């Protein structure tokens, strides 16, 4: 199936990339698209791994015993609202 580029800036970029790499426009565009997809897939995988790690940390923290029953404001500020 053919790809028809109708945007002059995209055509210019494809021509410049092909000229700089010595590849055909088709090969240059194919490699550029493959590199972009690989980058996006890595980012997606990294975000998924981060979410899993954060879930694991949250589960661990939820299981820890409460060592101080005061709320955060009580721990940080005195009765006049000044930092401890």
N, C-alpha and C. Protein backbone atom coordinates (compact mmCIF):
# COMPACT_ATOMS: atom_id res chain seq x y z
N UNK A 1 0.84 -1.17 0.00
CA UNK A 1 0.00 0.00 0.00
C UNK A 1 0.89 1.24 0.00
N UNK A 2 0.53 2.22 -0.78
CA UNK A 2 1.33 3.43 -0.94
C UNK A 2 0.99 4.45 0.15
N UNK A 3 1.99 5.24 0.48
CA UNK A 3 1.82 6.35 1.41
C UNK A 3 1.99 7.62 0.60
N UNK A 4 0.98 8.46 0.60
CA UNK A 4 1.02 9.69 -0.17
C UNK A 4 1.14 10.86 0.79
N UNK A 5 2.26 11.56 0.74
CA UNK A 5 2.49 12.69 1.63
C UNK A 5 2.06 13.96 0.92
N UNK A 6 1.10 14.67 1.52
CA UNK A 6 0.57 15.88 0.90
C UNK A 6 0.94 17.14 1.68
N UNK A 7 1.80 17.00 2.63
CA UNK A 7 2.21 18.14 3.45
C UNK A 7 3.62 18.53 3.04
N UNK A 8 3.80 19.79 2.64
CA UNK A 8 5.10 20.21 2.11
C UNK A 8 6.21 20.15 3.16
N UNK A 9 5.89 20.46 4.41
CA UNK A 9 6.90 20.39 5.48
C UNK A 9 7.33 18.95 5.71
N UNK A 10 6.38 18.04 5.70
CA UNK A 10 6.70 16.62 5.88
C UNK A 10 7.55 16.12 4.72
N UNK A 11 7.21 16.54 3.52
CA UNK A 11 7.99 16.17 2.33
C UNK A 11 9.41 16.72 2.44
N UNK A 12 9.55 17.97 2.89
CA UNK A 12 10.86 18.57 3.04
C UNK A 12 11.70 17.81 4.06
N UNK A 13 11.07 17.46 5.20
CA UNK A 13 11.78 16.71 6.24
C UNK A 13 12.22 15.34 5.73
N UNK A 14 11.34 14.66 5.01
CA UNK A 14 11.68 13.34 4.46
C UNK A 14 12.84 13.46 3.47
N UNK A 15 12.81 14.47 2.63
CA UNK A 15 13.90 14.69 1.67
C UNK A 15 15.21 14.97 2.38
N UNK A 16 15.17 15.83 3.39
CA UNK A 16 16.39 16.18 4.12
C UNK A 16 16.96 14.96 4.84
N UNK A 17 16.09 14.19 5.48
CA UNK A 17 16.55 12.99 6.18
C UNK A 17 17.17 11.99 5.20
N UNK A 18 16.53 11.79 4.08
CA UNK A 18 17.06 10.86 3.07
C UNK A 18 18.41 11.35 2.55
N UNK A 19 18.52 12.65 2.30
CA UNK A 19 19.77 13.21 1.79
C UNK A 19 20.89 13.06 2.82
N UNK A 20 20.58 13.33 4.10
CA UNK A 20 21.61 13.26 5.14
C UNK A 20 22.05 11.84 5.44
N UNK A 21 21.14 10.88 5.30
CA UNK A 21 21.48 9.49 5.62
C UNK A 21 21.95 8.70 4.41
N UNK A 22 21.68 9.23 3.22
CA UNK A 22 22.03 8.50 2.00
C UNK A 22 21.06 7.37 1.70
N UNK A 23 19.94 7.35 2.41
CA UNK A 23 18.92 6.32 2.19
C UNK A 23 17.86 6.85 1.24
N UNK A 24 17.05 5.94 0.75
CA UNK A 24 15.89 6.37 -0.03
C UNK A 24 14.91 7.03 0.93
N UNK A 25 14.00 7.84 0.38
CA UNK A 25 12.99 8.45 1.24
C UNK A 25 12.18 7.39 1.96
N UNK A 26 11.85 6.33 1.25
CA UNK A 26 11.06 5.26 1.86
C UNK A 26 11.79 4.66 3.05
N UNK A 27 13.08 4.36 2.87
CA UNK A 27 13.86 3.75 3.95
C UNK A 27 14.03 4.73 5.11
N UNK A 28 14.29 5.98 4.81
CA UNK A 28 14.47 6.99 5.86
C UNK A 28 13.19 7.17 6.67
N UNK A 29 12.06 7.24 6.00
CA UNK A 29 10.78 7.39 6.70
C UNK A 29 10.47 6.14 7.50
N UNK A 30 10.73 4.97 6.93
CA UNK A 30 10.47 3.71 7.64
C UNK A 30 11.28 3.64 8.93
N UNK A 31 12.57 3.98 8.84
CA UNK A 31 13.43 3.93 10.03
C UNK A 31 13.00 4.98 11.06
N UNK A 32 12.61 6.16 10.60
CA UNK A 32 12.17 7.21 11.53
C UNK A 32 10.89 6.78 12.25
N UNK A 33 9.96 6.19 11.52
CA UNK A 33 8.72 5.71 12.14
C UNK A 33 8.99 4.58 13.12
N UNK A 34 9.88 3.67 12.75
CA UNK A 34 10.22 2.55 13.64
C UNK A 34 10.87 3.07 14.92
N UNK A 35 11.76 4.05 14.80
CA UNK A 35 12.42 4.61 15.98
C UNK A 35 11.41 5.31 16.88
N UNK A 36 10.48 6.04 16.29
CA UNK A 36 9.46 6.74 17.09
C UNK A 36 8.57 5.74 17.81
N UNK A 37 8.15 4.68 17.12
CA UNK A 37 7.32 3.65 17.75
C UNK A 37 8.06 2.96 18.89
N UNK A 38 9.32 2.65 18.68
CA UNK A 38 10.11 2.01 19.73
C UNK A 38 10.20 2.91 20.96
N UNK A 39 10.42 4.19 20.73
CA UNK A 39 10.49 5.14 21.84
C UNK A 39 9.17 5.21 22.60
N UNK A 40 8.07 5.26 21.89
CA UNK A 40 6.76 5.32 22.54
C UNK A 40 6.45 4.03 23.29
N UNK A 41 6.83 2.90 22.72
CA UNK A 41 6.59 1.62 23.41
C UNK A 41 7.40 1.54 24.69
N UNK A 42 8.65 2.00 24.65
CA UNK A 42 9.48 2.00 25.85
C UNK A 42 8.88 2.90 26.92
N UNK A 43 8.40 4.07 26.51
CA UNK A 43 7.79 5.00 27.46
C UNK A 43 6.54 4.38 28.08
N UNK A 44 5.73 3.73 27.25
CA UNK A 44 4.51 3.09 27.73
C UNK A 44 4.84 1.98 28.72
N UNK A 45 5.84 1.17 28.38
CA UNK A 45 6.24 0.07 29.25
C UNK A 45 6.80 0.62 30.56
N UNK A 46 7.59 1.68 30.47
CA UNK A 46 8.17 2.29 31.66
C UNK A 46 7.09 2.85 32.57
N UNK A 47 6.08 3.49 32.00
CA UNK A 47 4.98 4.04 32.80
C UNK A 47 4.21 2.91 33.46
N UNK A 48 4.01 1.81 32.74
CA UNK A 48 3.29 0.67 33.31
C UNK A 48 4.08 0.09 34.48
N UNK A 49 5.40 -0.06 34.31
CA UNK A 49 6.24 -0.58 35.39
C UNK A 49 6.22 0.35 36.59
N UNK A 50 6.26 1.64 36.36
CA UNK A 50 6.23 2.61 37.45
C UNK A 50 4.92 2.49 38.22
N UNK A 51 3.81 2.37 37.52
CA UNK A 51 2.52 2.24 38.18
C UNK A 51 2.49 1.00 39.05
N UNK A 52 3.03 -0.10 38.57
CA UNK A 52 3.09 -1.33 39.35
C UNK A 52 3.95 -1.18 40.59
N UNK A 53 5.09 -0.52 40.43
CA UNK A 53 5.98 -0.30 41.57
C UNK A 53 5.32 0.59 42.61
N UNK A 54 4.62 1.63 42.16
CA UNK A 54 3.93 2.51 43.10
C UNK A 54 2.81 1.78 43.84
N UNK A 55 2.10 0.90 43.13
CA UNK A 55 1.06 0.09 43.79
C UNK A 55 1.68 -0.79 44.87
N UNK A 56 2.82 -1.38 44.55
CA UNK A 56 3.50 -2.24 45.52
C UNK A 56 3.94 -1.44 46.75
N UNK A 57 4.47 -0.26 46.54
CA UNK A 57 4.88 0.60 47.66
C UNK A 57 3.67 0.99 48.50
N UNK A 58 2.56 1.33 47.84
CA UNK A 58 1.35 1.71 48.57
C UNK A 58 0.84 0.56 49.42
N UNK A 59 0.84 -0.65 48.88
CA UNK A 59 0.39 -1.82 49.66
C UNK A 59 1.30 -2.04 50.86
N UNK A 60 2.60 -1.89 50.65
CA UNK A 60 3.55 -2.06 51.75
C UNK A 60 3.29 -1.02 52.84
N UNK A 61 3.14 0.24 52.44
CA UNK A 61 2.92 1.31 53.41
C UNK A 61 1.60 1.14 54.15
N UNK A 62 0.58 0.67 53.46
CA UNK A 62 -0.72 0.47 54.10
C UNK A 62 -0.64 -0.60 55.18
N UNK A 63 0.28 -1.52 55.06
CA UNK A 63 0.43 -2.58 56.04
C UNK A 63 1.31 -2.23 57.23
N UNK A 64 1.93 -1.07 57.19
CA UNK A 64 2.80 -0.66 58.30
C UNK A 64 1.96 -0.24 59.51
N UNK A 65 2.47 -0.46 60.71
CA UNK A 65 1.72 -0.06 61.90
C UNK A 65 1.71 1.47 62.05
N UNK A 66 0.66 1.97 62.68
CA UNK A 66 0.56 3.40 62.97
C UNK A 66 1.39 3.68 64.21
N UNK A 67 2.42 4.50 64.09
CA UNK A 67 3.31 4.80 65.21
C UNK A 67 2.92 6.09 65.92
N UNK A 68 2.14 6.93 65.26
CA UNK A 68 1.72 8.20 65.84
C UNK A 68 0.30 8.46 65.35
N UNK A 69 -0.65 8.51 66.26
CA UNK A 69 -2.07 8.64 65.88
C UNK A 69 -2.46 10.06 65.52
N UNK A 70 -1.55 11.03 65.68
CA UNK A 70 -1.89 12.41 65.33
C UNK A 70 -2.00 12.55 63.82
N UNK A 71 -2.84 13.53 63.39
CA UNK A 71 -2.91 13.79 61.95
C UNK A 71 -1.71 14.64 61.54
N UNK A 72 -1.54 14.85 60.26
CA UNK A 72 -0.36 15.56 59.75
C UNK A 72 -0.24 16.97 60.31
N UNK A 73 -1.36 17.69 60.39
CA UNK A 73 -1.31 19.06 60.92
C UNK A 73 -0.84 19.08 62.36
N UNK A 74 -1.31 18.14 63.15
CA UNK A 74 -0.91 18.08 64.56
C UNK A 74 0.58 17.77 64.70
N UNK A 75 1.11 17.00 63.77
CA UNK A 75 2.53 16.66 63.83
C UNK A 75 3.42 17.82 63.37
N UNK A 76 2.91 18.66 62.47
CA UNK A 76 3.73 19.71 61.88
C UNK A 76 3.60 21.07 62.55
N UNK A 77 2.43 21.36 63.16
CA UNK A 77 2.18 22.70 63.68
C UNK A 77 1.78 22.66 65.15
N UNK A 78 2.14 23.74 65.86
CA UNK A 78 1.74 23.82 67.27
C UNK A 78 0.32 24.39 67.37
N UNK A 79 -0.12 24.66 68.60
CA UNK A 79 -1.49 25.12 68.82
C UNK A 79 -1.75 26.52 68.24
N UNK A 80 -0.71 27.28 67.94
CA UNK A 80 -0.86 28.60 67.32
C UNK A 80 -0.73 28.54 65.79
N UNK A 81 -0.54 27.34 65.24
CA UNK A 81 -0.40 27.18 63.80
C UNK A 81 1.00 27.41 63.28
N UNK A 82 1.95 27.48 64.20
CA UNK A 82 3.35 27.68 63.80
C UNK A 82 4.04 26.34 63.64
N UNK A 83 4.99 26.26 62.74
CA UNK A 83 5.71 24.99 62.55
C UNK A 83 6.43 24.59 63.83
N UNK A 84 6.46 23.31 64.07
CA UNK A 84 7.16 22.80 65.26
C UNK A 84 8.65 22.82 65.04
